[in-house]
């Protein structure tokens, strides 16, 4: 399976999103034949290439931080640019990862509902949304503090790579 990932963090390769994503992709690519390519939405000049990658994707994962209940502007811009693909038959199944500094998942639930609705409007299959709280600063935390959440991210990647879905129990654990 080929996974096309869109990292929506404004910090791109120096982001908490990238740290979480690295563990996720380690798990995803553990299954034979699974590959992933990552596009950084912070590179706004690459929007046409990003839209082409979306159109050619087999499966999509969009990962982004939530800042005080708002997604980064480049994520919203990417979603707005997808409006040309509404109700097309060839839209790929989509999964999402929303993370924030808030320790609880409550702040991200409205965004989760929006993402499910967006996927429906696109006519794509919704694979689920991972809500991960307490992620601010994960890139500078010591290993003993990040071991469990990064192992859970790896397990989530393994599940998507194997079952093509997020297991609800693991989503609840991470939230």
C-alpha atoms as a PDB file:
ATOM      1  CA  UNK A   1       0.000   0.000   0.000  1.00  0.00           C
ATOM      2  CA  UNK A   2       1.210   3.490  -0.785  1.00  0.00           C
ATOM      3  CA  UNK A   3       0.486   6.253   1.721  1.00  0.00           C
ATOM      4  CA  UNK A   4       0.688   9.916   0.773  1.00  0.00           C
ATOM      5  CA  UNK A   5       1.199  12.098   3.829  1.00  0.00           C
ATOM      6  CA  UNK A   6       0.552  15.817   4.077  1.00  0.00           C
ATOM      7  CA  UNK A   7       2.306  17.388   7.059  1.00  0.00           C
ATOM      8  CA  UNK A   8       0.463  20.614   7.844  1.00  0.00           C
ATOM      9  CA  UNK A   9       2.775  21.980  10.512  1.00  0.00           C
ATOM     10  CA  UNK A  10       4.172  25.456   9.835  1.00  0.00           C
ATOM     11  CA  UNK A  11       7.465  24.141  11.261  1.00  0.00           C
ATOM     12  CA  UNK A  12       7.644  21.454   8.527  1.00  0.00           C
ATOM     13  CA  UNK A  13      10.651  19.177   9.117  1.00  0.00           C
ATOM     14  CA  UNK A  14      11.405  20.717  12.524  1.00  0.00           C
ATOM     15  CA  UNK A  15       7.988  20.075  13.983  1.00  0.00           C
ATOM     16  CA  UNK A  16       6.302  17.949  16.595  1.00  0.00           C
ATOM     17  CA  UNK A  17       4.193  16.629  13.706  1.00  0.00           C
ATOM     18  CA  UNK A  18       7.342  15.260  12.074  1.00  0.00           C
ATOM     19  CA  UNK A  19       8.415  13.534  15.308  1.00  0.00           C
ATOM     20  CA  UNK A  20       5.014  11.836  15.653  1.00  0.00           C
ATOM     21  CA  UNK A  21       4.971  11.040  11.952  1.00  0.00           C
ATOM     22  CA  UNK A  22       8.400   9.371  12.029  1.00  0.00           C
ATOM     23  CA  UNK A  23       7.166   6.795  14.560  1.00  0.00           C
ATOM     24  CA  UNK A  24       3.893   6.342  12.690  1.00  0.00           C
ATOM     25  CA  UNK A  25       5.679   5.711   9.384  1.00  0.00           C
ATOM     26  CA  UNK A  26       8.125   3.322  11.028  1.00  0.00           C
ATOM     27  CA  UNK A  27       5.130   1.175  11.967  1.00  0.00           C
ATOM     28  CA  UNK A  28       3.357   1.655   8.646  1.00  0.00           C
ATOM     29  CA  UNK A  29       6.387   0.714   6.561  1.00  0.00           C
ATOM     30  CA  UNK A  30       7.063  -2.378   8.707  1.00  0.00           C
ATOM     31  CA  UNK A  31       4.512  -4.269   6.594  1.00  0.00           C
ATOM     32  CA  UNK A  32       5.960  -5.644   3.387  1.00  0.00           C
ATOM     33  CA  UNK A  33       5.129  -3.540   0.343  1.00  0.00           C
ATOM     34  CA  UNK A  34       4.046  -0.448   2.268  1.00  0.00           C
ATOM     35  CA  UNK A  35       5.636   2.824   1.212  1.00  0.00           C
ATOM     36  CA  UNK A  36       5.031   6.454   2.120  1.00  0.00           C
ATOM     37  CA  UNK A  37       5.835   9.848   0.692  1.00  0.00           C
ATOM     38  CA  UNK A  38       5.603  13.053   2.719  1.00  0.00           C
ATOM     39  CA  UNK A  39       4.596  16.497   1.455  1.00  0.00           C
ATOM     40  CA  UNK A  40       4.974  19.599   3.613  1.00  0.00           C
ATOM     41  CA  UNK A  41       2.046  21.997   3.308  1.00  0.00           C
ATOM     42  CA  UNK A  42       4.238  24.805   4.700  1.00  0.00           C
ATOM     43  CA  UNK A  43       5.791  24.822   1.222  1.00  0.00           C
ATOM     44  CA  UNK A  44       2.834  26.778  -0.135  1.00  0.00           C
ATOM     45  CA  UNK A  45       4.505  27.327  -3.509  1.00  0.00           C
ATOM     46  CA  UNK A  46       4.230  23.574  -4.033  1.00  0.00           C
ATOM     47  CA  UNK A  47       0.411  23.532  -3.856  1.00  0.00           C
ATOM     48  CA  UNK A  48      -0.032  22.300  -7.436  1.00  0.00           C
ATOM     49  CA  UNK A  49       2.385  19.413  -6.823  1.00  0.00           C
ATOM     50  CA  UNK A  50       0.613  18.642  -3.532  1.00  0.00           C
ATOM     51  CA  UNK A  51      -2.767  18.532  -5.285  1.00  0.00           C
ATOM     52  CA  UNK A  52      -1.310  16.232  -7.947  1.00  0.00           C
ATOM     53  CA  UNK A  53       0.060  13.975  -5.194  1.00  0.00           C
ATOM     54  CA  UNK A  54      -3.390  13.885  -3.587  1.00  0.00           C
ATOM     55  CA  UNK A  55      -5.010  12.987  -6.915  1.00  0.00           C
ATOM     56  CA  UNK A  56      -2.529  10.139  -7.458  1.00  0.00           C
ATOM     57  CA  UNK A  57      -2.650   8.857  -3.861  1.00  0.00           C
ATOM     58  CA  UNK A  58      -3.746   5.386  -2.889  1.00  0.00           C
ATOM     59  CA  UNK A  59      -4.313   6.396   0.765  1.00  0.00           C
ATOM     60  CA  UNK A  60      -3.894   9.808   2.428  1.00  0.00           C
ATOM     61  CA  UNK A  61      -2.870  10.874   5.913  1.00  0.00           C
ATOM     62  CA  UNK A  62      -3.043  14.546   6.897  1.00  0.00           C
ATOM     63  CA  UNK A  63      -1.230  15.422  10.123  1.00  0.00           C
ATOM     64  CA  UNK A  64      -1.281  18.866  11.713  1.00  0.00           C
ATOM     65  CA  UNK A  65      -1.144  20.681  15.038  1.00  0.00           C
ATOM     66  CA  UNK A  66      -4.129  22.456  16.493  1.00  0.00           C
ATOM     67  CA  UNK A  67      -3.319  25.931  17.788  1.00  0.00           C
ATOM     68  CA  UNK A  68      -5.900  27.196  20.300  1.00  0.00           C
ATOM     69  CA  UNK A  69      -8.727  25.502  18.424  1.00  0.00           C
ATOM     70  CA  UNK A  70      -7.524  26.550  14.942  1.00  0.00           C
ATOM     71  CA  UNK A  71      -5.734  24.571  12.264  1.00  0.00           C
ATOM     72  CA  UNK A  72      -2.749  26.151  10.469  1.00  0.00           C
ATOM     73  CA  UNK A  73      -3.693  28.322   7.497  1.00  0.00           C
ATOM     74  CA  UNK A  74      -1.808  26.161   4.990  1.00  0.00           C
ATOM     75  CA  UNK A  75      -3.921  23.150   6.025  1.00  0.00           C
ATOM     76  CA  UNK A  76      -7.124  25.126   5.538  1.00  0.00           C
ATOM     77  CA  UNK A  77      -5.771  26.401   2.205  1.00  0.00           C
ATOM     78  CA  UNK A  78      -5.024  22.837   1.102  1.00  0.00           C
ATOM     79  CA  UNK A  79      -8.520  21.704   2.089  1.00  0.00           C
ATOM     80  CA  UNK A  80     -10.038  24.659   0.211  1.00  0.00           C
ATOM     81  CA  UNK A  81      -8.005  23.744  -2.883  1.00  0.00           C
ATOM     82  CA  UNK A  82      -9.508  20.238  -2.749  1.00  0.00           C
ATOM     83  CA  UNK A  83     -12.953  21.712  -3.488  1.00  0.00           C
ATOM     84  CA  UNK A  84     -12.373  20.958  -7.183  1.00  0.00           C
ATOM     85  CA  UNK A  85     -12.350  17.268  -6.218  1.00  0.00           C
ATOM     86  CA  UNK A  86     -15.713  17.253  -4.411  1.00  0.00           C
ATOM     87  CA  UNK A  87     -17.725  14.082  -5.111  1.00  0.00           C
ATOM     88  CA  UNK A  88     -15.194  12.599  -7.541  1.00  0.00           C
ATOM     89  CA  UNK A  89     -15.096   8.822  -7.702  1.00  0.00           C
ATOM     90  CA  UNK A  90     -11.305   8.621  -7.607  1.00  0.00           C
ATOM     91  CA  UNK A  91     -10.618  10.422  -4.318  1.00  0.00           C
ATOM     92  CA  UNK A  92      -8.415   8.339  -2.004  1.00  0.00           C
ATOM     93  CA  UNK A  93      -9.452   7.169   1.481  1.00  0.00           C
ATOM     94  CA  UNK A  94      -8.322   9.660   4.118  1.00  0.00           C
ATOM     95  CA  UNK A  95      -7.028   9.487   7.684  1.00  0.00           C
ATOM     96  CA  UNK A  96      -6.058  12.372   9.933  1.00  0.00           C
ATOM     97  CA  UNK A  97      -3.855  13.061  12.936  1.00  0.00           C
ATOM     98  CA  UNK A  98      -4.598  16.198  14.949  1.00  0.00           C
ATOM     99  CA  UNK A  99      -2.321  16.971  17.869  1.00  0.00           C
ATOM    100  CA  UNK A 100      -2.025  19.828  20.313  1.00  0.00           C
ATOM    101  CA  UNK A 101      -0.470  20.972  23.544  1.00  0.00           C
ATOM    102  CA  UNK A 102      -3.785  20.535  25.347  1.00  0.00           C
ATOM    103  CA  UNK A 103      -3.535  17.403  27.505  1.00  0.00           C
ATOM    104  CA  UNK A 104      -7.065  16.255  26.717  1.00  0.00           C
ATOM    105  CA  UNK A 105      -8.766  15.486  23.397  1.00  0.00           C
ATOM    106  CA  UNK A 106     -11.855  17.629  24.064  1.00  0.00           C
ATOM    107  CA  UNK A 107     -10.521  20.706  22.220  1.00  0.00           C
ATOM    108  CA  UNK A 108      -9.919  18.712  19.051  1.00  0.00           C
ATOM    109  CA  UNK A 109     -13.279  16.943  18.786  1.00  0.00           C
ATOM    110  CA  UNK A 110     -14.967  19.704  16.717  1.00  0.00           C
ATOM    111  CA  UNK A 111     -12.087  19.511  14.224  1.00  0.00           C
ATOM    112  CA  UNK A 112     -12.527  15.737  14.107  1.00  0.00           C
ATOM    113  CA  UNK A 113     -16.185  16.208  13.124  1.00  0.00           C
ATOM    114  CA  UNK A 114     -15.154  18.740  10.467  1.00  0.00           C
ATOM    115  CA  UNK A 115     -12.607  16.294   8.993  1.00  0.00           C
ATOM    116  CA  UNK A 116     -15.172  13.514   8.806  1.00  0.00           C
ATOM    117  CA  UNK A 117     -17.577  15.887   7.041  1.00  0.00           C
ATOM    118  CA  UNK A 118     -14.822  17.065   4.663  1.00  0.00           C
ATOM    119  CA  UNK A 119     -14.048  13.474   3.715  1.00  0.00           C
ATOM    120  CA  UNK A 120     -17.736  12.773   3.057  1.00  0.00           C
ATOM    121  CA  UNK A 121     -18.018  15.883   0.855  1.00  0.00           C
ATOM    122  CA  UNK A 122     -15.013  14.768  -1.132  1.00  0.00           C
ATOM    123  CA  UNK A 123     -16.695  11.409  -1.616  1.00  0.00           C
ATOM    124  CA  UNK A 124     -13.722   9.656  -0.031  1.00  0.00           C
ATOM    125  CA  UNK A 125     -13.744   6.861   2.524  1.00  0.00           C
ATOM    126  CA  UNK A 126     -13.033   8.139   6.051  1.00  0.00           C
ATOM    127  CA  UNK A 127     -10.376   6.059   7.827  1.00  0.00           C
ATOM    128  CA  UNK A 128     -10.529   7.915  11.141  1.00  0.00           C
ATOM    129  CA  UNK A 129      -8.909  10.737  13.078  1.00  0.00           C
ATOM    130  CA  UNK A 130      -6.251  10.338  15.707  1.00  0.00           C
ATOM    131  CA  UNK A 131      -6.498  13.018  18.388  1.00  0.00           C
ATOM    132  CA  UNK A 132      -3.220  13.323  20.298  1.00  0.00           C
ATOM    133  CA  UNK A 133      -3.029  15.732  23.190  1.00  0.00           C
ATOM    134  CA  UNK A 134       0.036  16.842  25.108  1.00  0.00           C
ATOM    135  CA  UNK A 135       2.330  16.854  22.083  1.00  0.00           C
ATOM    136  CA  UNK A 136       3.789  20.362  22.327  1.00  0.00           C
ATOM    137  CA  UNK A 137       7.516  20.079  22.895  1.00  0.00           C
ATOM    138  CA  UNK A 138       7.665  16.344  22.158  1.00  0.00           C
ATOM    139  CA  UNK A 139      10.729  16.927  19.996  1.00  0.00           C
ATOM    140  CA  UNK A 140      12.744  18.211  22.958  1.00  0.00           C
ATOM    141  CA  UNK A 141      11.423  15.861  25.655  1.00  0.00           C
ATOM    142  CA  UNK A 142      13.694  13.127  27.020  1.00  0.00           C
ATOM    143  CA  UNK A 143      13.155   9.605  25.702  1.00  0.00           C
ATOM    144  CA  UNK A 144      11.599   8.311  28.911  1.00  0.00           C
ATOM    145  CA  UNK A 145       8.779  10.850  28.468  1.00  0.00           C
ATOM    146  CA  UNK A 146       8.120  10.081  24.804  1.00  0.00           C
ATOM    147  CA  UNK A 147       8.588   6.312  24.687  1.00  0.00           C
ATOM    148  CA  UNK A 148       4.942   5.349  25.305  1.00  0.00           C
ATOM    149  CA  UNK A 149       3.271   7.857  22.953  1.00  0.00           C
ATOM    150  CA  UNK A 150       5.766   7.192  20.159  1.00  0.00           C
ATOM    151  CA  UNK A 151       5.309   3.421  20.552  1.00  0.00           C
ATOM    152  CA  UNK A 152       1.537   3.976  20.322  1.00  0.00           C
ATOM    153  CA  UNK A 153       2.068   6.035  17.145  1.00  0.00           C
ATOM    154  CA  UNK A 154       4.141   3.175  15.724  1.00  0.00           C
ATOM    155  CA  UNK A 155       1.323   0.750  16.584  1.00  0.00           C
ATOM    156  CA  UNK A 156      -1.184   3.015  14.882  1.00  0.00           C
ATOM    157  CA  UNK A 157       0.976   3.045  11.758  1.00  0.00           C
ATOM    158  CA  UNK A 158       1.185  -0.749  11.848  1.00  0.00           C
ATOM    159  CA  UNK A 159      -2.614  -0.967  12.117  1.00  0.00           C
ATOM    160  CA  UNK A 160      -3.219   1.363   9.188  1.00  0.00           C
ATOM    161  CA  UNK A 161      -0.636  -0.493   7.118  1.00  0.00           C
ATOM    162  CA  UNK A 162      -2.133  -3.880   7.929  1.00  0.00           C
ATOM    163  CA  UNK A 163      -5.877  -3.266   8.330  1.00  0.00           C
ATOM    164  CA  UNK A 164      -6.320  -0.004   6.411  1.00  0.00           C
ATOM    165  CA  UNK A 165      -8.076   1.504   9.417  1.00  0.00           C
ATOM    166  CA  UNK A 166      -7.387   2.988  12.821  1.00  0.00           C
ATOM    167  CA  UNK A 167      -8.413   0.682  15.678  1.00  0.00           C
ATOM    168  CA  UNK A 168     -10.854   2.575  17.930  1.00  0.00           C
ATOM    169  CA  UNK A 169      -9.276   1.263  21.144  1.00  0.00           C
ATOM    170  CA  UNK A 170      -5.839   2.604  20.200  1.00  0.00           C
ATOM    171  CA  UNK A 171      -7.343   5.934  19.132  1.00  0.00           C
ATOM    172  CA  UNK A 172      -8.964   6.206  22.560  1.00  0.00           C
ATOM    173  CA  UNK A 173      -5.688   5.347  24.306  1.00  0.00           C
ATOM    174  CA  UNK A 174      -3.791   8.024  22.428  1.00  0.00           C
ATOM    175  CA  UNK A 175      -6.512  10.630  23.007  1.00  0.00           C
END
